[in-house]
Amino acid sequence: MSDIDELKKAIVQFTKDRDWDQFHNGKDLALALSIEASELNEAFLWKDAKDVNVDKVKEELADIINYAILIADKYDLDIKQIVLDKLRRNAEKYPVDKAYGNAKKYNEL
């Protein structure tokens, strides 16, 4: 079993044990993920990045990952495959020779 599959199994079991799946439709999971991402942003607000509370970053990042995995589970998505597919598409949009060391969007390269 891969690490991702192990995480997915643990997260799904955690929600089943609490009968929370009834609340976990795609919309609400996406909203929860967005809210957790905002809480991660809040950890950086008004600080230099080097001054962030790393424990807070870990906590919020874990919540984000949990919700992302639950969304993937809800729609029966293969996490590894969708990430690899996105990396392939991004590699086409951001070829190394044009994007290396450059923060411009793909349509500005």
PDB file of N, CA and C in Angstrom:
ATOM      1  N   MET A   1       0.853  -1.185   0.000  1.00  0.00           N
ATOM      2  CA  MET A   1       0.000   0.000   0.000  1.00  0.00           C
ATOM      3  C   MET A   1       0.895   1.243   0.000  1.00  0.00           C
ATOM      4  N   SER A   2       0.585   2.184  -0.882  1.00  0.00           N
ATOM      5  CA  SER A   2       1.381   3.412  -0.963  1.00  0.00           C
ATOM      6  C   SER A   2       1.079   4.323   0.225  1.00  0.00           C
ATOM      7  N   ASP A   3       1.957   5.281   0.437  1.00  0.00           N
ATOM      8  CA  ASP A   3       1.742   6.255   1.507  1.00  0.00           C
ATOM      9  C   ASP A   3       0.435   7.007   1.307  1.00  0.00           C
ATOM     10  N   ILE A   4       0.148   7.366   0.060  1.00  0.00           N
ATOM     11  CA  ILE A   4      -1.092   8.101  -0.224  1.00  0.00           C
ATOM     12  C   ILE A   4      -2.307   7.236   0.086  1.00  0.00           C
ATOM     13  N   ASP A   5      -2.254   5.971  -0.328  1.00  0.00           N
ATOM     14  CA  ASP A   5      -3.367   5.065  -0.042  1.00  0.00           C
ATOM     15  C   ASP A   5      -3.552   4.864   1.459  1.00  0.00           C
ATOM     16  N   GLU A   6      -2.444   4.795   2.169  1.00  0.00           N
ATOM     17  CA  GLU A   6      -2.500   4.639   3.623  1.00  0.00           C
ATOM     18  C   GLU A   6      -3.139   5.864   4.280  1.00  0.00           C
ATOM     19  N   LEU A   7      -2.749   7.058   3.831  1.00  0.00           N
ATOM     20  CA  LEU A   7      -3.363   8.283   4.346  1.00  0.00           C
ATOM     21  C   LEU A   7      -4.854   8.323   4.030  1.00  0.00           C
ATOM     22  N   LYS A   8      -5.187   8.010   2.791  1.00  0.00           N
ATOM     23  CA  LYS A   8      -6.592   8.032   2.366  1.00  0.00           C
ATOM     24  C   LYS A   8      -7.422   7.078   3.221  1.00  0.00           C
ATOM     25  N   LYS A   9      -6.924   5.877   3.440  1.00  0.00           N
ATOM     26  CA  LYS A   9      -7.641   4.892   4.247  1.00  0.00           C
ATOM     27  C   LYS A   9      -7.854   5.407   5.665  1.00  0.00           C
ATOM     28  N   ALA A  10      -6.818   5.983   6.264  1.00  0.00           N
ATOM     29  CA  ALA A  10      -6.920   6.492   7.638  1.00  0.00           C
ATOM     30  C   ALA A  10      -7.896   7.656   7.736  1.00  0.00           C
ATOM     31  N   ILE A  11      -7.847   8.570   6.773  1.00  0.00           N
ATOM     32  CA  ILE A  11      -8.730   9.745   6.793  1.00  0.00           C
ATOM     33  C   ILE A  11     -10.181   9.334   6.586  1.00  0.00           C
ATOM     34  N   VAL A  12     -10.408   8.462   5.634  1.00  0.00           N
ATOM     35  CA  VAL A  12     -11.776   7.992   5.364  1.00  0.00           C
ATOM     36  C   VAL A  12     -12.317   7.238   6.577  1.00  0.00           C
ATOM     37  N   GLN A  13     -11.493   6.406   7.200  1.00  0.00           N
ATOM     38  CA  GLN A  13     -11.941   5.667   8.387  1.00  0.00           C
ATOM     39  C   GLN A  13     -12.256   6.616   9.532  1.00  0.00           C
ATOM     40  N   PHE A  14     -11.439   7.642   9.705  1.00  0.00           N
ATOM     41  CA  PHE A  14     -11.678   8.648  10.745  1.00  0.00           C
ATOM     42  C   PHE A  14     -13.055   9.275  10.575  1.00  0.00           C
ATOM     43  N   THR A  15     -13.416   9.633   9.341  1.00  0.00           N
ATOM     44  CA  THR A  15     -14.714  10.256   9.102  1.00  0.00           C
ATOM     45  C   THR A  15     -15.855   9.250   9.250  1.00  0.00           C
ATOM     46  N   LYS A  16     -15.631   8.010   8.813  1.00  0.00           N
ATOM     47  CA  LYS A  16     -16.675   6.974   8.967  1.00  0.00           C
ATOM     48  C   LYS A  16     -16.948   6.689  10.438  1.00  0.00           C
ATOM     49  N   ASP A  17     -15.889   6.628  11.237  1.00  0.00           N
ATOM     50  CA  ASP A  17     -16.051   6.348  12.667  1.00  0.00           C
ATOM     51  C   ASP A  17     -16.916   7.398  13.354  1.00  0.00           C
ATOM     52  N   ARG A  18     -16.971   8.591  12.800  1.00  0.00           N
ATOM     53  CA  ARG A  18     -17.734   9.692  13.391  1.00  0.00           C
ATOM     54  C   ARG A  18     -19.032   9.985  12.631  1.00  0.00           C
ATOM     55  N   ASP A  19     -19.318   9.174  11.613  1.00  0.00           N
ATOM     56  CA  ASP A  19     -20.510   9.351  10.769  1.00  0.00           C
ATOM     57  C   ASP A  19     -20.560  10.749  10.151  1.00  0.00           C
ATOM     58  N   TRP A  20     -19.393  11.232   9.730  1.00  0.00           N
ATOM     59  CA  TRP A  20     -19.309  12.560   9.120  1.00  0.00           C
ATOM     60  C   TRP A  20     -19.467  12.528   7.609  1.00  0.00           C
ATOM     61  N   ASP A  21     -19.433  11.345   7.016  1.00  0.00           N
ATOM     62  CA  ASP A  21     -19.548  11.279   5.562  1.00  0.00           C
ATOM     63  C   ASP A  21     -20.845  11.924   5.080  1.00  0.00           C
ATOM     64  N   GLN A  22     -21.874  11.878   5.900  1.00  0.00           N
ATOM     65  CA  GLN A  22     -23.154  12.489   5.538  1.00  0.00           C
ATOM     66  C   GLN A  22     -23.022  13.998   5.282  1.00  0.00           C
ATOM     67  N   PHE A  23     -22.002  14.622   5.836  1.00  0.00           N
ATOM     68  CA  PHE A  23     -21.784  16.057   5.658  1.00  0.00           C
ATOM     69  C   PHE A  23     -20.778  16.363   4.551  1.00  0.00           C
ATOM     70  N   HIS A  24     -20.131  15.323   4.051  1.00  0.00           N
ATOM     71  CA  HIS A  24     -18.994  15.516   3.155  1.00  0.00           C
ATOM     72  C   HIS A  24     -19.365  15.382   1.681  1.00  0.00           C
ATOM     73  N   ASN A  25     -20.168  16.320   1.215  1.00  0.00           N
ATOM     74  CA  ASN A  25     -20.429  16.399  -0.225  1.00  0.00           C
ATOM     75  C   ASN A  25     -19.309  17.233  -0.853  1.00  0.00           C
ATOM     76  N   GLY A  26     -19.192  17.141  -2.167  1.00  0.00           N
ATOM     77  CA  GLY A  26     -18.099  17.828  -2.856  1.00  0.00           C
ATOM     78  C   GLY A  26     -18.037  19.319  -2.570  1.00  0.00           C
ATOM     79  N   LYS A  27     -19.185  19.968  -2.563  1.00  0.00           N
ATOM     80  CA  LYS A  27     -19.216  21.421  -2.333  1.00  0.00           C
ATOM     81  C   LYS A  27     -18.686  21.776  -0.954  1.00  0.00           C
ATOM     82  N   ASP A  28     -19.186  21.092   0.061  1.00  0.00           N
ATOM     83  CA  ASP A  28     -18.780  21.434   1.417  1.00  0.00           C
ATOM     84  C   ASP A  28     -17.323  21.065   1.690  1.00  0.00           C
ATOM     85  N   LEU A  29     -16.858  19.994   1.081  1.00  0.00           N
ATOM     86  CA  LEU A  29     -15.440  19.653   1.217  1.00  0.00           C
ATOM     87  C   LEU A  29     -14.560  20.713   0.557  1.00  0.00           C
ATOM     88  N   ALA A  30     -14.988  21.193  -0.606  1.00  0.00           N
ATOM     89  CA  ALA A  30     -14.221  22.241  -1.293  1.00  0.00           C
ATOM     90  C   ALA A  30     -14.220  23.532  -0.473  1.00  0.00           C
ATOM     91  N   LEU A  31     -15.349  23.864   0.107  1.00  0.00           N
ATOM     92  CA  LEU A  31     -15.411  25.052   0.955  1.00  0.00           C
ATOM     93  C   LEU A  31     -14.525  24.891   2.184  1.00  0.00           C
ATOM     94  N   ALA A  32     -14.553  23.721   2.801  1.00  0.00           N
ATOM     95  CA  ALA A  32     -13.722  23.472   3.974  1.00  0.00           C
ATOM     96  C   ALA A  32     -12.244  23.583   3.611  1.00  0.00           C
ATOM     97  N   LEU A  33     -11.868  23.034   2.454  1.00  0.00           N
ATOM     98  CA  LEU A  33     -10.474  23.134   2.003  1.00  0.00           C
ATOM     99  C   LEU A  33     -10.072  24.597   1.831  1.00  0.00           C
ATOM    100  N   SER A  34     -10.953  25.377   1.232  1.00  0.00           N
ATOM    101  CA  SER A  34     -10.669  26.789   1.019  1.00  0.00           C
ATOM    102  C   SER A  34     -10.534  27.539   2.348  1.00  0.00           C
ATOM    103  N   ILE A  35     -11.370  27.214   3.293  1.00  0.00           N
ATOM    104  CA  ILE A  35     -11.303  27.859   4.608  1.00  0.00           C
ATOM    105  C   ILE A  35      -9.992  27.507   5.302  1.00  0.00           C
ATOM    106  N   GLU A  36      -9.598  26.248   5.220  1.00  0.00           N
ATOM    107  CA  GLU A  36      -8.327  25.839   5.827  1.00  0.00           C
ATOM    108  C   GLU A  36      -7.146  26.520   5.132  1.00  0.00           C
ATOM    109  N   ALA A  37      -7.233  26.681   3.811  1.00  0.00           N
ATOM    110  CA  ALA A  37      -6.174  27.398   3.083  1.00  0.00           C
ATOM    111  C   ALA A  37      -6.103  28.844   3.565  1.00  0.00           C
ATOM    112  N   SER A  38      -7.249  29.439   3.849  1.00  0.00           N
ATOM    113  CA  SER A  38      -7.258  30.800   4.389  1.00  0.00           C
ATOM    114  C   SER A  38      -6.619  30.845   5.769  1.00  0.00           C
ATOM    115  N   GLU A  39      -6.847  29.811   6.569  1.00  0.00           N
ATOM    116  CA  GLU A  39      -6.217  29.763   7.889  1.00  0.00           C
ATOM    117  C   GLU A  39      -4.704  29.613   7.758  1.00  0.00           C
ATOM    118  N   LEU A  40      -4.248  28.898   6.752  1.00  0.00           N
ATOM    119  CA  LEU A  40      -2.809  28.820   6.487  1.00  0.00           C
ATOM    120  C   LEU A  40      -2.282  30.202   6.110  1.00  0.00           C
ATOM    121  N   ASN A  41      -3.001  30.901   5.238  1.00  0.00           N
ATOM    122  CA  ASN A  41      -2.594  32.261   4.879  1.00  0.00           C
ATOM    123  C   ASN A  41      -2.519  33.163   6.096  1.00  0.00           C
ATOM    124  N   GLU A  42      -3.477  32.991   6.992  1.00  0.00           N
ATOM    125  CA  GLU A  42      -3.508  33.824   8.192  1.00  0.00           C
ATOM    126  C   GLU A  42      -2.239  33.638   9.038  1.00  0.00           C
ATOM    127  N   ALA A  43      -1.669  32.446   9.015  1.00  0.00           N
ATOM    128  CA  ALA A  43      -0.444  32.195   9.774  1.00  0.00           C
ATOM    129  C   ALA A  43       0.711  33.062   9.283  1.00  0.00           C
ATOM    130  N   PHE A  44       0.654  33.485   8.021  1.00  0.00           N
ATOM    131  CA  PHE A  44       1.710  34.305   7.430  1.00  0.00           C
ATOM    132  C   PHE A  44       1.394  35.806   7.447  1.00  0.00           C
ATOM    133  N   LEU A  45       0.153  36.139   7.714  1.00  0.00           N
ATOM    134  CA  LEU A  45      -0.298  37.520   7.622  1.00  0.00           C
ATOM    135  C   LEU A  45       0.506  38.440   8.535  1.00  0.00           C
ATOM    136  N   TRP A  46       0.994  39.531   7.960  1.00  0.00           N
ATOM    137  CA  TRP A  46       1.722  40.585   8.644  1.00  0.00           C
ATOM    138  C   TRP A  46       3.061  40.126   9.226  1.00  0.00           C
ATOM    139  N   LYS A  47       3.617  39.043   8.676  1.00  0.00           N
ATOM    140  CA  LYS A  47       4.906  38.544   9.157  1.00  0.00           C
ATOM    141  C   LYS A  47       5.836  38.340   7.977  1.00  0.00           C
ATOM    142  N   ASP A  48       7.107  38.336   8.258  1.00  0.00           N
ATOM    143  CA  ASP A  48       8.059  37.835   7.279  1.00  0.00           C
ATOM    144  C   ASP A  48       7.890  36.319   7.252  1.00  0.00           C
ATOM    145  N   ALA A  49       8.057  35.702   6.088  1.00  0.00           N
ATOM    146  CA  ALA A  49       7.881  34.256   5.964  1.00  0.00           C
ATOM    147  C   ALA A  49       8.754  33.494   6.957  1.00  0.00           C
ATOM    148  N   LYS A  50       9.932  34.009   7.253  1.00  0.00           N
ATOM    149  CA  LYS A  50      10.850  33.333   8.173  1.00  0.00           C
ATOM    150  C   LYS A  50      10.348  33.364   9.618  1.00  0.00           C
ATOM    151  N   ASP A  51       9.388  34.230   9.927  1.00  0.00           N
ATOM    152  CA  ASP A  51       8.890  34.375  11.287  1.00  0.00           C
ATOM    153  C   ASP A  51       7.608  33.587  11.556  1.00  0.00           C
ATOM    154  N   VAL A  52       7.180  32.801  10.592  1.00  0.00           N
ATOM    155  CA  VAL A  52       5.925  32.067  10.739  1.00  0.00           C
ATOM    156  C   VAL A  52       6.057  30.985  11.810  1.00  0.00           C
ATOM    157  N   ASN A  53       4.971  30.702  12.478  1.00  0.00           N
ATOM    158  CA  ASN A  53       4.899  29.617  13.454  1.00  0.00           C
ATOM    159  C   ASN A  53       4.760  28.306  12.659  1.00  0.00           C
ATOM    160  N   VAL A  54       5.825  27.541  12.601  1.00  0.00           N
ATOM    161  CA  VAL A  54       5.851  26.330  11.778  1.00  0.00           C
ATOM    162  C   VAL A  54       4.838  25.298  12.282  1.00  0.00           C
ATOM    163  N   ASP A  55       4.595  25.246  13.586  1.00  0.00           N
ATOM    164  CA  ASP A  55       3.585  24.312  14.102  1.00  0.00           C
ATOM    165  C   ASP A  55       2.201  24.657  13.566  1.00  0.00           C
ATOM    166  N   LYS A  56       1.903  25.936  13.463  1.00  0.00           N
ATOM    167  CA  LYS A  56       0.619  26.371  12.893  1.00  0.00           C
ATOM    168  C   LYS A  56       0.559  26.008  11.413  1.00  0.00           C
ATOM    169  N   VAL A  57       1.644  26.174  10.685  1.00  0.00           N
ATOM    170  CA  VAL A  57       1.692  25.804   9.272  1.00  0.00           C
ATOM    171  C   VAL A  57       1.432  24.312   9.128  1.00  0.00           C
ATOM    172  N   LYS A  58       2.069  23.493   9.950  1.00  0.00           N
ATOM    173  CA  LYS A  58       1.873  22.045   9.887  1.00  0.00           C
ATOM    174  C   LYS A  58       0.413  21.682  10.132  1.00  0.00           C
ATOM    175  N   GLU A  59      -0.191  22.314  11.135  1.00  0.00           N
ATOM    176  CA  GLU A  59      -1.582  22.023  11.485  1.00  0.00           C
ATOM    177  C   GLU A  59      -2.529  22.365  10.336  1.00  0.00           C
ATOM    178  N   GLU A  60      -2.370  23.550   9.776  1.00  0.00           N
ATOM    179  CA  GLU A  60      -3.276  23.975   8.699  1.00  0.00           C
ATOM    180  C   GLU A  60      -3.015  23.199   7.416  1.00  0.00           C
ATOM    181  N   LEU A  61      -1.756  22.917   7.127  1.00  0.00           N
ATOM    182  CA  LEU A  61      -1.430  22.137   5.943  1.00  0.00           C
ATOM    183  C   LEU A  61      -2.012  20.731   6.046  1.00  0.00           C
ATOM    184  N   ALA A  62      -1.964  20.138   7.229  1.00  0.00           N
ATOM    185  CA  ALA A  62      -2.568  18.817   7.429  1.00  0.00           C
ATOM    186  C   ALA A  62      -4.074  18.871   7.149  1.00  0.00           C
ATOM    187  N   ASP A  63      -4.747  19.921   7.620  1.00  0.00           N
ATOM    188  CA  ASP A  63      -6.183  20.059   7.348  1.00  0.00           C
ATOM    189  C   ASP A  63      -6.443  20.168   5.847  1.00  0.00           C
ATOM    190  N   ILE A  64      -5.634  20.943   5.153  1.00  0.00           N
ATOM    191  CA  ILE A  64      -5.782  21.108   3.703  1.00  0.00           C
ATOM    192  C   ILE A  64      -5.616  19.766   2.998  1.00  0.00           C
ATOM    193  N   ILE A  65      -4.581  19.035   3.378  1.00  0.00           N
ATOM    194  CA  ILE A  65      -4.327  17.730   2.755  1.00  0.00           C
ATOM    195  C   ILE A  65      -5.478  16.769   3.057  1.00  0.00           C
ATOM    196  N   ASN A  66      -5.967  16.773   4.292  1.00  0.00           N
ATOM    197  CA  ASN A  66      -7.098  15.908   4.648  1.00  0.00           C
ATOM    198  C   ASN A  66      -8.296  16.180   3.752  1.00  0.00           C
ATOM    199  N   TYR A  67      -8.648  17.439   3.596  1.00  0.00           N
ATOM    200  CA  TYR A  67      -9.812  17.760   2.766  1.00  0.00           C
ATOM    201  C   TYR A  67      -9.565  17.444   1.296  1.00  0.00           C
ATOM    202  N   ALA A  68      -8.365  17.677   0.812  1.00  0.00           N
ATOM    203  CA  ALA A  68      -8.060  17.337  -0.582  1.00  0.00           C
ATOM    204  C   ALA A  68      -8.202  15.835  -0.807  1.00  0.00           C
ATOM    205  N   ILE A  69      -7.735  15.044   0.130  1.00  0.00           N
ATOM    206  CA  ILE A  69      -7.854  13.590   0.012  1.00  0.00           C
ATOM    207  C   ILE A  69      -9.309  13.162   0.090  1.00  0.00           C
ATOM    208  N   LEU A  70     -10.090  13.787   0.948  1.00  0.00           N
ATOM    209  CA  LEU A  70     -11.518  13.448   1.019  1.00  0.00           C
ATOM    210  C   LEU A  70     -12.248  13.796  -0.272  1.00  0.00           C
ATOM    211  N   ILE A  71     -11.880  14.900  -0.899  1.00  0.00           N
ATOM    212  CA  ILE A  71     -12.483  15.254  -2.192  1.00  0.00           C
ATOM    213  C   ILE A  71     -12.120  14.203  -3.240  1.00  0.00           C
ATOM    214  N   ALA A  72     -10.859  13.817  -3.269  1.00  0.00           N
ATOM    215  CA  ALA A  72     -10.433  12.781  -4.220  1.00  0.00           C
ATOM    216  C   ALA A  72     -11.200  11.491  -3.979  1.00  0.00           C
ATOM    217  N   ASP A  73     -11.381  11.132  -2.719  1.00  0.00           N
ATOM    218  CA  ASP A  73     -12.136   9.924  -2.396  1.00  0.00           C
ATOM    219  C   ASP A  73     -13.587  10.048  -2.837  1.00  0.00           C
ATOM    220  N   LYS A  74     -14.173  11.194  -2.586  1.00  0.00           N
ATOM    221  CA  LYS A  74     -15.587  11.414  -2.927  1.00  0.00           C
ATOM    222  C   LYS A  74     -15.840  11.208  -4.421  1.00  0.00           C
ATOM    223  N   TYR A  75     -14.883  11.607  -5.257  1.00  0.00           N
ATOM    224  CA  TYR A  75     -15.047  11.500  -6.707  1.00  0.00           C
ATOM    225  C   TYR A  75     -14.244  10.339  -7.303  1.00  0.00           C
ATOM    226  N   ASP A  76     -13.775   9.448  -6.417  1.00  0.00           N
ATOM    227  CA  ASP A  76     -13.036   8.251  -6.831  1.00  0.00           C
ATOM    228  C   ASP A  76     -11.876   8.597  -7.765  1.00  0.00           C
ATOM    229  N   LEU A  77     -11.098   9.588  -7.360  1.00  0.00           N
ATOM    230  CA  LEU A  77      -9.962  10.041  -8.154  1.00  0.00           C
ATOM    231  C   LEU A  77      -8.683   9.387  -7.657  1.00  0.00           C
ATOM    232  N   ASP A  78      -7.829   9.034  -8.580  1.00  0.00           N
ATOM    233  CA  ASP A  78      -6.522   8.464  -8.258  1.00  0.00           C
ATOM    234  C   ASP A  78      -5.568   9.631  -8.020  1.00  0.00           C
ATOM    235  N   ILE A  79      -5.232   9.882  -6.767  1.00  0.00           N
ATOM    236  CA  ILE A  79      -4.439  11.053  -6.396  1.00  0.00           C
ATOM    237  C   ILE A  79      -3.110  11.079  -7.135  1.00  0.00           C
ATOM    238  N   LYS A  80      -2.414   9.985  -7.133  1.00  0.00           N
ATOM    239  CA  LYS A  80      -1.126   9.930  -7.819  1.00  0.00           C
ATOM    240  C   LYS A  80      -1.291  10.290  -9.291  1.00  0.00           C
ATOM    241  N   GLN A  81      -2.289   9.714  -9.938  1.00  0.00           N
ATOM    242  CA  GLN A  81      -2.470   9.947 -11.366  1.00  0.00           C
ATOM    243  C   GLN A  81      -2.854  11.389 -11.675  1.00  0.00           C
ATOM    244  N   ILE A  82      -3.752  11.975 -10.883  1.00  0.00           N
ATOM    245  CA  ILE A  82      -4.155  13.350 -11.198  1.00  0.00           C
ATOM    246  C   ILE A  82      -3.009  14.327 -10.981  1.00  0.00           C
ATOM    247  N   VAL A  83      -2.155  14.055  -9.982  1.00  0.00           N
ATOM    248  CA  VAL A  83      -1.002  14.930  -9.754  1.00  0.00           C
ATOM    249  C   VAL A  83       0.005  14.775 -10.889  1.00  0.00           C
ATOM    250  N   LEU A  84       0.281  13.537 -11.292  1.00  0.00           N
ATOM    251  CA  LEU A  84       1.210  13.322 -12.407  1.00  0.00           C
ATOM    252  C   LEU A  84       0.682  13.922 -13.704  1.00  0.00           C
ATOM    253  N   ASP A  85      -0.626  13.789 -13.948  1.00  0.00           N
ATOM    254  CA  ASP A  85      -1.232  14.391 -15.151  1.00  0.00           C
ATOM    255  C   ASP A  85      -1.071  15.908 -15.137  1.00  0.00           C
ATOM    256  N   LYS A  86      -1.287  16.516 -13.978  1.00  0.00           N
ATOM    257  CA  LYS A  86      -1.161  17.977 -13.865  1.00  0.00           C
ATOM    258  C   LYS A  86       0.290  18.407 -14.051  1.00  0.00           C
ATOM    259  N   LEU A  87       1.231  17.643 -13.495  1.00  0.00           N
ATOM    260  CA  LEU A  87       2.644  17.969 -13.704  1.00  0.00           C
ATOM    261  C   LEU A  87       3.011  17.893 -15.189  1.00  0.00           C
ATOM    262  N   ARG A  88       2.482  16.896 -15.887  1.00  0.00           N
ATOM    263  CA  ARG A  88       2.754  16.762 -17.324  1.00  0.00           C
ATOM    264  C   ARG A  88       2.203  17.982 -18.079  1.00  0.00           C
ATOM    265  N   ARG A  89       0.968  18.372 -17.771  1.00  0.00           N
ATOM    266  CA  ARG A  89       0.384  19.547 -18.441  1.00  0.00           C
ATOM    267  C   ARG A  89       1.178  20.815 -18.115  1.00  0.00           C
ATOM    268  N   ASN A  90       1.590  20.944 -16.854  1.00  0.00           N
ATOM    269  CA  ASN A  90       2.386  22.114 -16.469  1.00  0.00           C
ATOM    270  C   ASN A  90       3.749  22.116 -17.144  1.00  0.00           C
ATOM    271  N   ALA A  91       4.331  20.939 -17.337  1.00  0.00           N
ATOM    272  CA  ALA A  91       5.629  20.850 -18.028  1.00  0.00           C
ATOM    273  C   ALA A  91       5.506  21.333 -19.466  1.00  0.00           C
ATOM    274  N   GLU A  92       4.353  21.088 -20.076  1.00  0.00           N
ATOM    275  CA  GLU A  92       4.118  21.581 -21.437  1.00  0.00           C
ATOM    276  C   GLU A  92       3.952  23.097 -21.447  1.00  0.00           C
ATOM    277  N   LYS A  93       3.263  23.620 -20.444  1.00  0.00           N
ATOM    278  CA  LYS A  93       3.033  25.065 -20.364  1.00  0.00           C
ATOM    279  C   LYS A  93       4.268  25.824 -19.905  1.00  0.00           C
ATOM    280  N   TYR A  94       5.099  25.170 -19.106  1.00  0.00           N
ATOM    281  CA  TYR A  94       6.276  25.807 -18.526  1.00  0.00           C
ATOM    282  C   TYR A  94       7.530  25.013 -18.876  1.00  0.00           C
ATOM    283  N   PRO A  95       7.947  25.037 -20.146  1.00  0.00           N
ATOM    284  CA  PRO A  95       9.165  24.299 -20.504  1.00  0.00           C
ATOM    285  C   PRO A  95      10.371  24.893 -19.762  1.00  0.00           C
ATOM    286  N   VAL A  96      11.273  24.019 -19.363  1.00  0.00           N
ATOM    287  CA  VAL A  96      12.417  24.427 -18.553  1.00  0.00           C
ATOM    288  C   VAL A  96      13.193  25.563 -19.204  1.00  0.00           C
ATOM    289  N   ASP A  97      13.406  25.472 -20.512  1.00  0.00           N
ATOM    290  CA  ASP A  97      14.226  26.491 -21.177  1.00  0.00           C
ATOM    291  C   ASP A  97      13.602  27.881 -21.124  1.00  0.00           C
ATOM    292  N   LYS A  98      12.287  27.971 -20.960  1.00  0.00           N
ATOM    293  CA  LYS A  98      11.629  29.279 -20.876  1.00  0.00           C
ATOM    294  C   LYS A  98      11.287  29.671 -19.438  1.00  0.00           C
ATOM    295  N   ALA A  99      10.992  28.689 -18.605  1.00  0.00           N
ATOM    296  CA  ALA A  99      10.472  28.974 -17.268  1.00  0.00           C
ATOM    297  C   ALA A  99      11.539  28.975 -16.177  1.00  0.00           C
ATOM    298  N   TYR A 100      12.710  28.456 -16.461  1.00  0.00           N
ATOM    299  CA  TYR A 100      13.744  28.320 -15.431  1.00  0.00           C
ATOM    300  C   TYR A 100      14.075  29.682 -14.803  1.00  0.00           C
ATOM    301  N   GLY A 101      13.877  29.789 -13.502  1.00  0.00           N
ATOM    302  CA  GLY A 101      14.194  31.015 -12.770  1.00  0.00           C
ATOM    303  C   GLY A 101      13.256  32.171 -13.069  1.00  0.00           C
ATOM    304  N   ASN A 102      12.108  31.878 -13.674  1.00  0.00           N
ATOM    305  CA  ASN A 102      11.191  32.912 -14.127  1.00  0.00           C
ATOM    306  C   ASN A 102       9.838  32.710 -13.448  1.00  0.00           C
ATOM    307  N   ALA A 103       9.275  33.754 -12.880  1.00  0.00           N
ATOM    308  CA  ALA A 103       7.992  33.653 -12.187  1.00  0.00           C
ATOM    309  C   ALA A 103       6.800  34.048 -13.058  1.00  0.00           C
ATOM    310  N   LYS A 104       7.045  34.300 -14.324  1.00  0.00           N
ATOM    311  CA  LYS A 104       5.953  34.715 -15.210  1.00  0.00           C
ATOM    312  C   LYS A 104       4.989  33.567 -15.472  1.00  0.00           C
ATOM    313  N   LYS A 105       3.740  33.934 -15.736  1.00  0.00           N
ATOM    314  CA  LYS A 105       2.732  32.955 -16.106  1.00  0.00           C
ATOM    315  C   LYS A 105       3.051  32.418 -17.492  1.00  0.00           C
ATOM    316  N   TYR A 106       2.591  31.200 -17.759  1.00  0.00           N
ATOM    317  CA  TYR A 106       2.948  30.511 -19.010  1.00  0.00           C
ATOM    318  C   TYR A 106       2.640  31.329 -20.263  1.00  0.00           C
ATOM    319  N   ASN A 107       1.576  32.106 -20.245  1.00  0.00           N
ATOM    320  CA  ASN A 107       1.222  32.883 -21.444  1.00  0.00           C
ATOM    321  C   ASN A 107       2.061  34.144 -21.590  1.00  0.00           C
ATOM    322  N   GLU A 108       2.968  34.390 -20.649  1.00  0.00           N
ATOM    323  CA  GLU A 108       3.866  35.559 -20.719  1.00  0.00           C
ATOM    324  C   GLU A 108       5.318  35.146 -20.966  1.00  0.00           C
ATOM    325  N   LEU A 109       5.575  33.858 -21.058  1.00  0.00           N
ATOM    326  CA  LEU A 109       6.958  33.396 -21.266  1.00  0.00           C
ATOM    327  C   LEU A 109       7.430  33.683 -22.682  1.00  0.00           C
TER     328      LEU A 109
END
